[in-house]
């Protein structure tokens, strides 16, 4: 049964016409961690790569090393993963259908 603005709409399907049936499940925390960690790490690597490329024109005390960028990327990936866990998207669960 599908609800739409207070009015209930009923639709019937033949079982043999359905390939699959998916229902909204709980939050997909694993996907949230992957997305958040990837965004945090990639943004840091891009911004840090730009800073490292400007090292030739920067004074020696303001130069950043590749190791510092990598360490910051890992840290930001961990923070992004924690945020992604908290803001995880809703997943879908596939239900098996009987075959004839």
PDB file of N, CA and C in Angstrom:
ATOM      1  N   UNK A   1       0.849  -1.160   0.000  1.00  0.00           N
ATOM      2  CA  UNK A   1       0.000   0.000   0.000  1.00  0.00           C
ATOM      3  C   UNK A   1       0.901   1.231   0.000  1.00  0.00           C
ATOM      4  N   UNK A   2       0.634   2.155  -0.876  1.00  0.00           N
ATOM      5  CA  UNK A   2       1.396   3.394  -0.962  1.00  0.00           C
ATOM      6  C   UNK A   2       0.548   4.517  -0.405  1.00  0.00           C
ATOM      7  N   UNK A   3       1.152   5.335   0.432  1.00  0.00           N
ATOM      8  CA  UNK A   3       0.391   6.451   0.971  1.00  0.00           C
ATOM      9  C   UNK A   3       0.825   7.720   0.282  1.00  0.00           C
ATOM     10  N   UNK A   4      -0.103   8.579   0.042  1.00  0.00           N
ATOM     11  CA  UNK A   4       0.220   9.834  -0.626  1.00  0.00           C
ATOM     12  C   UNK A   4      -0.662  10.948  -0.113  1.00  0.00           C
ATOM     13  N   UNK A   5      -0.161  11.749   0.783  1.00  0.00           N
ATOM     14  CA  UNK A   5      -0.891  12.905   1.268  1.00  0.00           C
ATOM     15  C   UNK A   5      -2.185  12.574   1.986  1.00  0.00           C
ATOM     16  N   UNK A   6      -2.233  11.511   2.727  1.00  0.00           N
ATOM     17  CA  UNK A   6      -3.430  11.154   3.469  1.00  0.00           C
ATOM     18  C   UNK A   6      -4.341  10.194   2.725  1.00  0.00           C
ATOM     19  N   UNK A   7      -4.204  10.098   1.414  1.00  0.00           N
ATOM     20  CA  UNK A   7      -5.007   9.155   0.630  1.00  0.00           C
ATOM     21  C   UNK A   7      -4.195   7.883   0.403  1.00  0.00           C
ATOM     22  N   UNK A   8      -4.797   6.757   0.697  1.00  0.00           N
ATOM     23  CA  UNK A   8      -4.113   5.481   0.507  1.00  0.00           C
ATOM     24  C   UNK A   8      -4.343   5.003  -0.921  1.00  0.00           C
ATOM     25  N   UNK A   9      -3.266   4.564  -1.556  1.00  0.00           N
ATOM     26  CA  UNK A   9      -3.334   4.047  -2.918  1.00  0.00           C
ATOM     27  C   UNK A   9      -2.869   2.602  -2.866  1.00  0.00           C
ATOM     28  N   UNK A  10      -3.662   1.711  -3.426  1.00  0.00           N
ATOM     29  CA  UNK A  10      -3.317   0.301  -3.447  1.00  0.00           C
ATOM     30  C   UNK A  10      -2.976  -0.104  -4.871  1.00  0.00           C
ATOM     31  N   UNK A  11      -1.856  -0.800  -5.021  1.00  0.00           N
ATOM     32  CA  UNK A  11      -1.469  -1.307  -6.328  1.00  0.00           C
ATOM     33  C   UNK A  11      -1.185  -2.790  -6.192  1.00  0.00           C
ATOM     34  N   UNK A  12      -1.605  -3.527  -7.153  1.00  0.00           N
ATOM     35  CA  UNK A  12      -1.379  -4.970  -7.139  1.00  0.00           C
ATOM     36  C   UNK A  12      -0.450  -5.343  -8.288  1.00  0.00           C
ATOM     37  N   UNK A  13       0.474  -6.248  -7.985  1.00  0.00           N
ATOM     38  CA  UNK A  13       1.415  -6.736  -8.985  1.00  0.00           C
ATOM     39  C   UNK A  13       1.365  -8.258  -8.985  1.00  0.00           C
ATOM     40  N   UNK A  14       1.585  -8.844 -10.134  1.00  0.00           N
ATOM     41  CA  UNK A  14       1.733 -10.286 -10.207  1.00  0.00           C
ATOM     42  C   UNK A  14       3.146 -10.647  -9.753  1.00  0.00           C
ATOM     43  N   UNK A  15       3.267 -11.694  -8.967  1.00  0.00           N
ATOM     44  CA  UNK A  15       4.555 -12.069  -8.408  1.00  0.00           C
ATOM     45  C   UNK A  15       5.565 -12.398  -9.512  1.00  0.00           C
ATOM     46  N   UNK A  16       5.111 -12.995 -10.603  1.00  0.00           N
ATOM     47  CA  UNK A  16       6.042 -13.359 -11.667  1.00  0.00           C
ATOM     48  C   UNK A  16       6.542 -12.135 -12.449  1.00  0.00           C
ATOM     49  N   UNK A  17       5.880 -10.997 -12.305  1.00  0.00           N
ATOM     50  CA  UNK A  17       6.320  -9.778 -12.989  1.00  0.00           C
ATOM     51  C   UNK A  17       7.405  -9.030 -12.210  1.00  0.00           C
ATOM     52  N   UNK A  18       7.641  -9.407 -10.972  1.00  0.00           N
ATOM     53  CA  UNK A  18       8.627  -8.711 -10.148  1.00  0.00           C
ATOM     54  C   UNK A  18       9.979  -9.410 -10.220  1.00  0.00           C
ATOM     55  N   UNK A  19      11.017  -8.653 -10.503  1.00  0.00           N
ATOM     56  CA  UNK A  19      12.377  -9.206 -10.487  1.00  0.00           C
ATOM     57  C   UNK A  19      12.946  -9.210  -9.079  1.00  0.00           C
ATOM     58  N   UNK A  20      12.667  -8.157  -8.350  1.00  0.00           N
ATOM     59  CA  UNK A  20      13.177  -8.053  -6.991  1.00  0.00           C
ATOM     60  C   UNK A  20      12.268  -7.135  -6.192  1.00  0.00           C
ATOM     61  N   UNK A  21      12.422  -7.211  -4.899  1.00  0.00           N
ATOM     62  CA  UNK A  21      11.659  -6.366  -3.992  1.00  0.00           C
ATOM     63  C   UNK A  21      12.639  -5.817  -2.965  1.00  0.00           C
ATOM     64  N   UNK A  22      12.662  -4.498  -2.838  1.00  0.00           N
ATOM     65  CA  UNK A  22      13.588  -3.871  -1.900  1.00  0.00           C
ATOM     66  C   UNK A  22      12.811  -2.998  -0.928  1.00  0.00           C
ATOM     67  N   UNK A  23      13.204  -3.090   0.336  1.00  0.00           N
ATOM     68  CA  UNK A  23      12.591  -2.286   1.392  1.00  0.00           C
ATOM     69  C   UNK A  23      13.653  -1.411   2.029  1.00  0.00           C
ATOM     70  N   UNK A  24      13.211  -0.267   2.526  1.00  0.00           N
ATOM     71  CA  UNK A  24      14.154   0.593   3.240  1.00  0.00           C
ATOM     72  C   UNK A  24      14.584  -0.102   4.517  1.00  0.00           C
ATOM     73  N   UNK A  25      15.869  -0.152   4.721  1.00  0.00           N
ATOM     74  CA  UNK A  25      16.401  -0.776   5.918  1.00  0.00           C
ATOM     75  C   UNK A  25      16.914   0.278   6.879  1.00  0.00           C
ATOM     76  N   UNK A  26      17.778  -0.130   7.764  1.00  0.00           N
ATOM     77  CA  UNK A  26      18.378   0.781   8.725  1.00  0.00           C
ATOM     78  C   UNK A  26      19.494   1.582   8.083  1.00  0.00           C
ATOM     79  N   UNK A  27      20.181   2.354   8.905  1.00  0.00           N
ATOM     80  CA  UNK A  27      21.284   3.170   8.404  1.00  0.00           C
ATOM     81  C   UNK A  27      22.458   2.280   8.011  1.00  0.00           C
ATOM     82  N   UNK A  28      23.076   2.621   6.905  1.00  0.00           N
ATOM     83  CA  UNK A  28      24.236   1.892   6.417  1.00  0.00           C
ATOM     84  C   UNK A  28      25.494   2.606   6.929  1.00  0.00           C
ATOM     85  N   UNK A  29      25.919   2.246   8.133  1.00  0.00           N
ATOM     86  CA  UNK A  29      27.043   2.929   8.775  1.00  0.00           C
ATOM     87  C   UNK A  29      28.357   2.687   8.043  1.00  0.00           C
ATOM     88  N   UNK A  30      28.538   1.510   7.493  1.00  0.00           N
ATOM     89  CA  UNK A  30      29.783   1.205   6.777  1.00  0.00           C
ATOM     90  C   UNK A  30      29.952   2.142   5.583  1.00  0.00           C
ATOM     91  N   UNK A  31      28.887   2.338   4.817  1.00  0.00           N
ATOM     92  CA  UNK A  31      28.948   3.238   3.669  1.00  0.00           C
ATOM     93  C   UNK A  31      29.202   4.671   4.115  1.00  0.00           C
ATOM     94  N   UNK A  32      28.600   5.082   5.229  1.00  0.00           N
ATOM     95  CA  UNK A  32      28.832   6.419   5.752  1.00  0.00           C
ATOM     96  C   UNK A  32      30.286   6.646   6.126  1.00  0.00           C
ATOM     97  N   UNK A  33      30.914   5.650   6.753  1.00  0.00           N
ATOM     98  CA  UNK A  33      32.324   5.755   7.128  1.00  0.00           C
ATOM     99  C   UNK A  33      33.197   5.842   5.875  1.00  0.00           C
ATOM    100  N   UNK A  34      32.889   5.036   4.876  1.00  0.00           N
ATOM    101  CA  UNK A  34      33.675   5.040   3.635  1.00  0.00           C
ATOM    102  C   UNK A  34      33.561   6.388   2.929  1.00  0.00           C
ATOM    103  N   UNK A  35      32.350   6.900   2.804  1.00  0.00           N
ATOM    104  CA  UNK A  35      32.145   8.178   2.116  1.00  0.00           C
ATOM    105  C   UNK A  35      32.803   9.316   2.891  1.00  0.00           C
ATOM    106  N   UNK A  36      32.556   9.400   4.194  1.00  0.00           N
ATOM    107  CA  UNK A  36      33.129  10.478   5.001  1.00  0.00           C
ATOM    108  C   UNK A  36      34.643  10.443   5.043  1.00  0.00           C
ATOM    109  N   UNK A  37      35.205   9.259   5.221  1.00  0.00           N
ATOM    110  CA  UNK A  37      36.661   9.127   5.258  1.00  0.00           C
ATOM    111  C   UNK A  37      37.311   9.465   3.931  1.00  0.00           C
ATOM    112  N   UNK A  38      36.678   9.053   2.853  1.00  0.00           N
ATOM    113  CA  UNK A  38      37.215   9.358   1.528  1.00  0.00           C
ATOM    114  C   UNK A  38      37.190  10.858   1.256  1.00  0.00           C
ATOM    115  N   UNK A  39      36.088  11.490   1.566  1.00  0.00           N
ATOM    116  CA  UNK A  39      35.997  12.935   1.343  1.00  0.00           C
ATOM    117  C   UNK A  39      37.046  13.673   2.181  1.00  0.00           C
ATOM    118  N   UNK A  40      37.152  13.327   3.464  1.00  0.00           N
ATOM    119  CA  UNK A  40      38.129  13.987   4.326  1.00  0.00           C
ATOM    120  C   UNK A  40      39.554  13.801   3.851  1.00  0.00           C
ATOM    121  N   UNK A  41      39.908  12.594   3.449  1.00  0.00           N
ATOM    122  CA  UNK A  41      41.272  12.319   3.000  1.00  0.00           C
ATOM    123  C   UNK A  41      41.603  12.956   1.659  1.00  0.00           C
ATOM    124  N   UNK A  42      40.681  12.867   0.713  1.00  0.00           N
ATOM    125  CA  UNK A  42      40.942  13.397  -0.631  1.00  0.00           C
ATOM    126  C   UNK A  42      41.035  14.921  -0.618  1.00  0.00           C
ATOM    127  N   UNK A  43      40.138  15.565   0.113  1.00  0.00           N
ATOM    128  CA  UNK A  43      40.196  17.036   0.177  1.00  0.00           C
ATOM    129  C   UNK A  43      41.524  17.484   0.789  1.00  0.00           C
ATOM    130  N   UNK A  44      41.984  16.800   1.816  1.00  0.00           N
ATOM    131  CA  UNK A  44      43.258  17.151   2.443  1.00  0.00           C
ATOM    132  C   UNK A  44      44.424  16.912   1.494  1.00  0.00           C
ATOM    133  N   UNK A  45      44.399  15.797   0.755  1.00  0.00           N
ATOM    134  CA  UNK A  45      45.487  15.517  -0.181  1.00  0.00           C
ATOM    135  C   UNK A  45      45.537  16.549  -1.304  1.00  0.00           C
ATOM    136  N   UNK A  46      44.380  16.965  -1.794  1.00  0.00           N
ATOM    137  CA  UNK A  46      44.359  17.967  -2.866  1.00  0.00           C
ATOM    138  C   UNK A  46      44.882  19.307  -2.350  1.00  0.00           C
ATOM    139  N   UNK A  47      44.341  19.755  -1.213  1.00  0.00           N
ATOM    140  CA  UNK A  47      44.785  21.042  -0.666  1.00  0.00           C
ATOM    141  C   UNK A  47      46.259  20.980  -0.265  1.00  0.00           C
ATOM    142  N   UNK A  48      46.683  19.889   0.333  1.00  0.00           N
ATOM    143  CA  UNK A  48      48.089  19.739   0.717  1.00  0.00           C
ATOM    144  C   UNK A  48      49.004  19.644  -0.484  1.00  0.00           C
ATOM    145  N   UNK A  49      48.543  18.997  -1.538  1.00  0.00           N
ATOM    146  CA  UNK A  49      49.340  18.929  -2.767  1.00  0.00           C
ATOM    147  C   UNK A  49      49.564  20.300  -3.376  1.00  0.00           C
ATOM    148  N   UNK A  50      48.548  21.143  -3.298  1.00  0.00           N
ATOM    149  CA  UNK A  50      48.702  22.516  -3.788  1.00  0.00           C
ATOM    150  C   UNK A  50      49.737  23.254  -2.941  1.00  0.00           C
ATOM    151  N   UNK A  51      49.675  23.077  -1.625  1.00  0.00           N
ATOM    152  CA  UNK A  51      50.656  23.734  -0.750  1.00  0.00           C
ATOM    153  C   UNK A  51      52.069  23.228  -1.001  1.00  0.00           C
ATOM    154  N   UNK A  52      52.224  21.929  -1.184  1.00  0.00           N
ATOM    155  CA  UNK A  52      53.550  21.368  -1.442  1.00  0.00           C
ATOM    156  C   UNK A  52      54.097  21.896  -2.764  1.00  0.00           C
ATOM    157  N   UNK A  53      53.244  22.061  -3.759  1.00  0.00           N
ATOM    158  CA  UNK A  53      53.718  22.565  -5.053  1.00  0.00           C
ATOM    159  C   UNK A  53      54.162  24.023  -4.971  1.00  0.00           C
ATOM    160  N   UNK A  54      53.699  24.756  -3.971  1.00  0.00           N
ATOM    161  CA  UNK A  54      54.090  26.155  -3.797  1.00  0.00           C
ATOM    162  C   UNK A  54      55.328  26.299  -2.913  1.00  0.00           C
ATOM    163  N   UNK A  55      55.929  25.193  -2.509  1.00  0.00           N
ATOM    164  CA  UNK A  55      57.098  25.246  -1.634  1.00  0.00           C
ATOM    165  C   UNK A  55      58.268  26.008  -2.256  1.00  0.00           C
ATOM    166  N   UNK A  56      58.409  25.983  -3.573  1.00  0.00           N
ATOM    167  CA  UNK A  56      59.542  26.635  -4.223  1.00  0.00           C
ATOM    168  C   UNK A  56      59.505  28.145  -4.024  1.00  0.00           C
ATOM    169  N   UNK A  57      58.311  28.706  -3.907  1.00  0.00           N
ATOM    170  CA  UNK A  57      58.200  30.163  -3.755  1.00  0.00           C
ATOM    171  C   UNK A  57      57.983  30.583  -2.304  1.00  0.00           C
ATOM    172  N   UNK A  58      57.871  29.630  -1.394  1.00  0.00           N
ATOM    173  CA  UNK A  58      57.627  29.944   0.015  1.00  0.00           C
ATOM    174  C   UNK A  58      58.939  30.052   0.780  1.00  0.00           C
ATOM    175  N   UNK A  59      58.953  30.861   1.830  1.00  0.00           N
ATOM    176  CA  UNK A  59      60.144  30.886   2.695  1.00  0.00           C
ATOM    177  C   UNK A  59      60.337  29.519   3.361  1.00  0.00           C
ATOM    178  N   UNK A  60      61.555  29.160   3.702  1.00  0.00           N
ATOM    179  CA  UNK A  60      61.829  27.824   4.269  1.00  0.00           C
ATOM    180  C   UNK A  60      61.039  27.504   5.533  1.00  0.00           C
ATOM    181  N   UNK A  61      60.732  28.506   6.351  1.00  0.00           N
ATOM    182  CA  UNK A  61      60.008  28.217   7.592  1.00  0.00           C
ATOM    183  C   UNK A  61      58.511  28.002   7.363  1.00  0.00           C
ATOM    184  N   UNK A  62      58.002  28.296   6.170  1.00  0.00           N
ATOM    185  CA  UNK A  62      56.582  28.108   5.862  1.00  0.00           C
ATOM    186  C   UNK A  62      56.327  26.926   4.930  1.00  0.00           C
ATOM    187  N   UNK A  63      57.365  26.191   4.584  1.00  0.00           N
ATOM    188  CA  UNK A  63      57.203  25.065   3.669  1.00  0.00           C
ATOM    189  C   UNK A  63      56.594  23.869   4.386  1.00  0.00           C
ATOM    190  N   UNK A  64      55.793  23.128   3.667  1.00  0.00           N
ATOM    191  CA  UNK A  64      55.145  21.936   4.219  1.00  0.00           C
ATOM    192  C   UNK A  64      55.713  20.710   3.503  1.00  0.00           C
ATOM    193  N   UNK A  65      55.929  19.642   4.246  1.00  0.00           N
ATOM    194  CA  UNK A  65      56.500  18.434   3.643  1.00  0.00           C
ATOM    195  C   UNK A  65      55.392  17.475   3.221  1.00  0.00           C
ATOM    196  N   UNK A  66      55.760  16.558   2.358  1.00  0.00           N
ATOM    197  CA  UNK A  66      54.807  15.547   1.901  1.00  0.00           C
ATOM    198  C   UNK A  66      54.355  14.679   3.069  1.00  0.00           C
ATOM    199  N   UNK A  67      55.247  14.385   3.982  1.00  0.00           N
ATOM    200  CA  UNK A  67      54.897  13.584   5.155  1.00  0.00           C
ATOM    201  C   UNK A  67      53.844  14.252   6.026  1.00  0.00           C
ATOM    202  N   UNK A  68      53.938  15.567   6.156  1.00  0.00           N
ATOM    203  CA  UNK A  68      52.923  16.300   6.929  1.00  0.00           C
ATOM    204  C   UNK A  68      51.561  16.248   6.247  1.00  0.00           C
ATOM    205  N   UNK A  69      51.555  16.328   4.932  1.00  0.00           N
ATOM    206  CA  UNK A  69      50.289  16.254   4.190  1.00  0.00           C
ATOM    207  C   UNK A  69      49.670  14.876   4.351  1.00  0.00           C
ATOM    208  N   UNK A  70      50.468  13.833   4.260  1.00  0.00           N
ATOM    209  CA  UNK A  70      49.946  12.471   4.399  1.00  0.00           C
ATOM    210  C   UNK A  70      49.410  12.234   5.808  1.00  0.00           C
ATOM    211  N   UNK A  71      50.136  12.718   6.817  1.00  0.00           N
ATOM    212  CA  UNK A  71      49.656  12.567   8.196  1.00  0.00           C
ATOM    213  C   UNK A  71      48.343  13.310   8.411  1.00  0.00           C
ATOM    214  N   UNK A  72      48.251  14.502   7.869  1.00  0.00           N
ATOM    215  CA  UNK A  72      47.006  15.269   7.990  1.00  0.00           C
ATOM    216  C   UNK A  72      45.868  14.578   7.247  1.00  0.00           C
ATOM    217  N   UNK A  73      46.161  13.971   6.105  1.00  0.00           N
ATOM    218  CA  UNK A  73      45.126  13.268   5.338  1.00  0.00           C
ATOM    219  C   UNK A  73      44.576  12.083   6.117  1.00  0.00           C
ATOM    220  N   UNK A  74      45.455  11.331   6.779  1.00  0.00           N
ATOM    221  CA  UNK A  74      44.974  10.210   7.592  1.00  0.00           C
ATOM    222  C   UNK A  74      44.126  10.699   8.763  1.00  0.00           C
ATOM    223  N   UNK A  75      44.551  11.755   9.399  1.00  0.00           N
ATOM    224  CA  UNK A  75      43.776  12.306  10.508  1.00  0.00           C
ATOM    225  C   UNK A  75      42.411  12.806  10.057  1.00  0.00           C
ATOM    226  N   UNK A  76      42.384  13.534   8.943  1.00  0.00           N
ATOM    227  CA  UNK A  76      41.112  14.045   8.443  1.00  0.00           C
ATOM    228  C   UNK A  76      40.226  12.927   7.905  1.00  0.00           C
ATOM    229  N   UNK A  77      40.825  11.866   7.381  1.00  0.00           N
ATOM    230  CA  UNK A  77      40.025  10.719   6.940  1.00  0.00           C
ATOM    231  C   UNK A  77      39.348  10.055   8.146  1.00  0.00           C
ATOM    232  N   UNK A  78      40.065   9.975   9.270  1.00  0.00           N
ATOM    233  CA  UNK A  78      39.475   9.387  10.479  1.00  0.00           C
ATOM    234  C   UNK A  78      38.334  10.261  10.996  1.00  0.00           C
ATOM    235  N   UNK A  79      38.542  11.561  11.018  1.00  0.00           N
ATOM    236  CA  UNK A  79      37.475  12.470  11.463  1.00  0.00           C
ATOM    237  C   UNK A  79      36.285  12.405  10.508  1.00  0.00           C
ATOM    238  N   UNK A  80      36.559  12.366   9.207  1.00  0.00           N
ATOM    239  CA  UNK A  80      35.484  12.240   8.216  1.00  0.00           C
ATOM    240  C   UNK A  80      34.727  10.933   8.365  1.00  0.00           C
ATOM    241  N   UNK A  81      35.435   9.862   8.708  1.00  0.00           N
ATOM    242  CA  UNK A  81      34.776   8.578   8.932  1.00  0.00           C
ATOM    243  C   UNK A  81      33.837   8.616  10.125  1.00  0.00           C
ATOM    244  N   UNK A  82      34.249   9.303  11.185  1.00  0.00           N
ATOM    245  CA  UNK A  82      33.385   9.430  12.364  1.00  0.00           C
ATOM    246  C   UNK A  82      32.141  10.242  12.031  1.00  0.00           C
ATOM    247  N   UNK A  83      32.333  11.328  11.294  1.00  0.00           N
ATOM    248  CA  UNK A  83      31.181  12.140  10.874  1.00  0.00           C
ATOM    249  C   UNK A  83      30.286  11.336   9.939  1.00  0.00           C
ATOM    250  N   UNK A  84      30.883  10.574   9.024  1.00  0.00           N
ATOM    251  CA  UNK A  84      30.103   9.740   8.106  1.00  0.00           C
ATOM    252  C   UNK A  84      29.310   8.667   8.833  1.00  0.00           C
ATOM    253  N   UNK A  85      29.874   8.128   9.911  1.00  0.00           N
ATOM    254  CA  UNK A  85      29.149   7.135  10.707  1.00  0.00           C
ATOM    255  C   UNK A  85      27.898   7.753  11.319  1.00  0.00           C
ATOM    256  N   UNK A  86      28.049   8.979  11.816  1.00  0.00           N
ATOM    257  CA  UNK A  86      26.914   9.651  12.453  1.00  0.00           C
ATOM    258  C   UNK A  86      25.847  10.060  11.442  1.00  0.00           C
ATOM    259  N   UNK A  87      26.256  10.407  10.237  1.00  0.00           N
ATOM    260  CA  UNK A  87      25.321  10.872   9.206  1.00  0.00           C
ATOM    261  C   UNK A  87      25.103   9.810   8.126  1.00  0.00           C
ATOM    262  N   UNK A  88      25.120   8.556   8.512  1.00  0.00           N
ATOM    263  CA  UNK A  88      25.031   7.458   7.557  1.00  0.00           C
ATOM    264  C   UNK A  88      23.733   7.498   6.753  1.00  0.00           C
ATOM    265  N   UNK A  89      23.819   7.155   5.456  1.00  0.00           N
ATOM    266  CA  UNK A  89      22.603   7.111   4.641  1.00  0.00           C
ATOM    267  C   UNK A  89      21.768   5.876   4.976  1.00  0.00           C
ATOM    268  N   UNK A  90      20.497   5.953   4.641  1.00  0.00           N
ATOM    269  CA  UNK A  90      19.597   4.817   4.856  1.00  0.00           C
ATOM    270  C   UNK A  90      19.842   3.792   3.763  1.00  0.00           C
ATOM    271  N   UNK A  91      19.972   2.546   4.144  1.00  0.00           N
ATOM    272  CA  UNK A  91      20.225   1.478   3.187  1.00  0.00           C
ATOM    273  C   UNK A  91      18.943   0.812   2.709  1.00  0.00           C
ATOM    274  N   UNK A  92      19.106  -0.088   1.782  1.00  0.00           N
ATOM    275  CA  UNK A  92      17.991  -0.854   1.235  1.00  0.00           C
ATOM    276  C   UNK A  92      18.285  -2.328   1.447  1.00  0.00           C
ATOM    277  N   UNK A  93      17.236  -3.083   1.729  1.00  0.00           N
ATOM    278  CA  UNK A  93      17.378  -4.522   1.911  1.00  0.00           C
ATOM    279  C   UNK A  93      16.617  -5.228   0.805  1.00  0.00           C
ATOM    280  N   UNK A  94      17.303  -6.123   0.119  1.00  0.00           N
ATOM    281  CA  UNK A  94      16.693  -6.872  -0.967  1.00  0.00           C
ATOM    282  C   UNK A  94      16.030  -8.127  -0.392  1.00  0.00           C
ATOM    283  N   UNK A  95      14.771  -8.322  -0.714  1.00  0.00           N
ATOM    284  CA  UNK A  95      14.046  -9.500  -0.247  1.00  0.00           C
ATOM    285  C   UNK A  95      14.014 -10.545  -1.358  1.00  0.00           C
ATOM    286  N   UNK A  96      14.317 -11.766  -1.012  1.00  0.00           N
ATOM    287  CA  UNK A  96      14.245 -12.826  -2.040  1.00  0.00           C
ATOM    288  C   UNK A  96      12.799 -13.136  -2.374  1.00  0.00           C
ATOM    289  N   UNK A  97      12.558 -13.390  -3.643  1.00  0.00           N
ATOM    290  CA  UNK A  97      11.222 -13.744  -4.095  1.00  0.00           C
ATOM    291  C   UNK A  97      11.200 -15.223  -4.439  1.00  0.00           C
ATOM    292  N   UNK A  98      10.102 -15.878  -4.136  1.00  0.00           N
ATOM    293  CA  UNK A  98      10.020 -17.298  -4.482  1.00  0.00           C
ATOM    294  C   UNK A  98      10.001 -17.478  -5.997  1.00  0.00           C
ATOM    295  N   UNK A  99      10.689 -18.484  -6.478  1.00  0.00           N
ATOM    296  CA  UNK A  99      10.732 -18.804  -7.912  1.00  0.00           C
ATOM    297  C   UNK A  99       9.865 -20.012  -8.177  1.00  0.00           C
ATOM    298  N   UNK A 100       9.265 -20.013  -9.320  1.00  0.00           N
ATOM    299  CA  UNK A 100       8.400 -21.151  -9.682  1.00  0.00           C
ATOM    300  C   UNK A 100       9.061 -22.028 -10.699  1.00  0.00           C
TER     301      UNK A 100
END
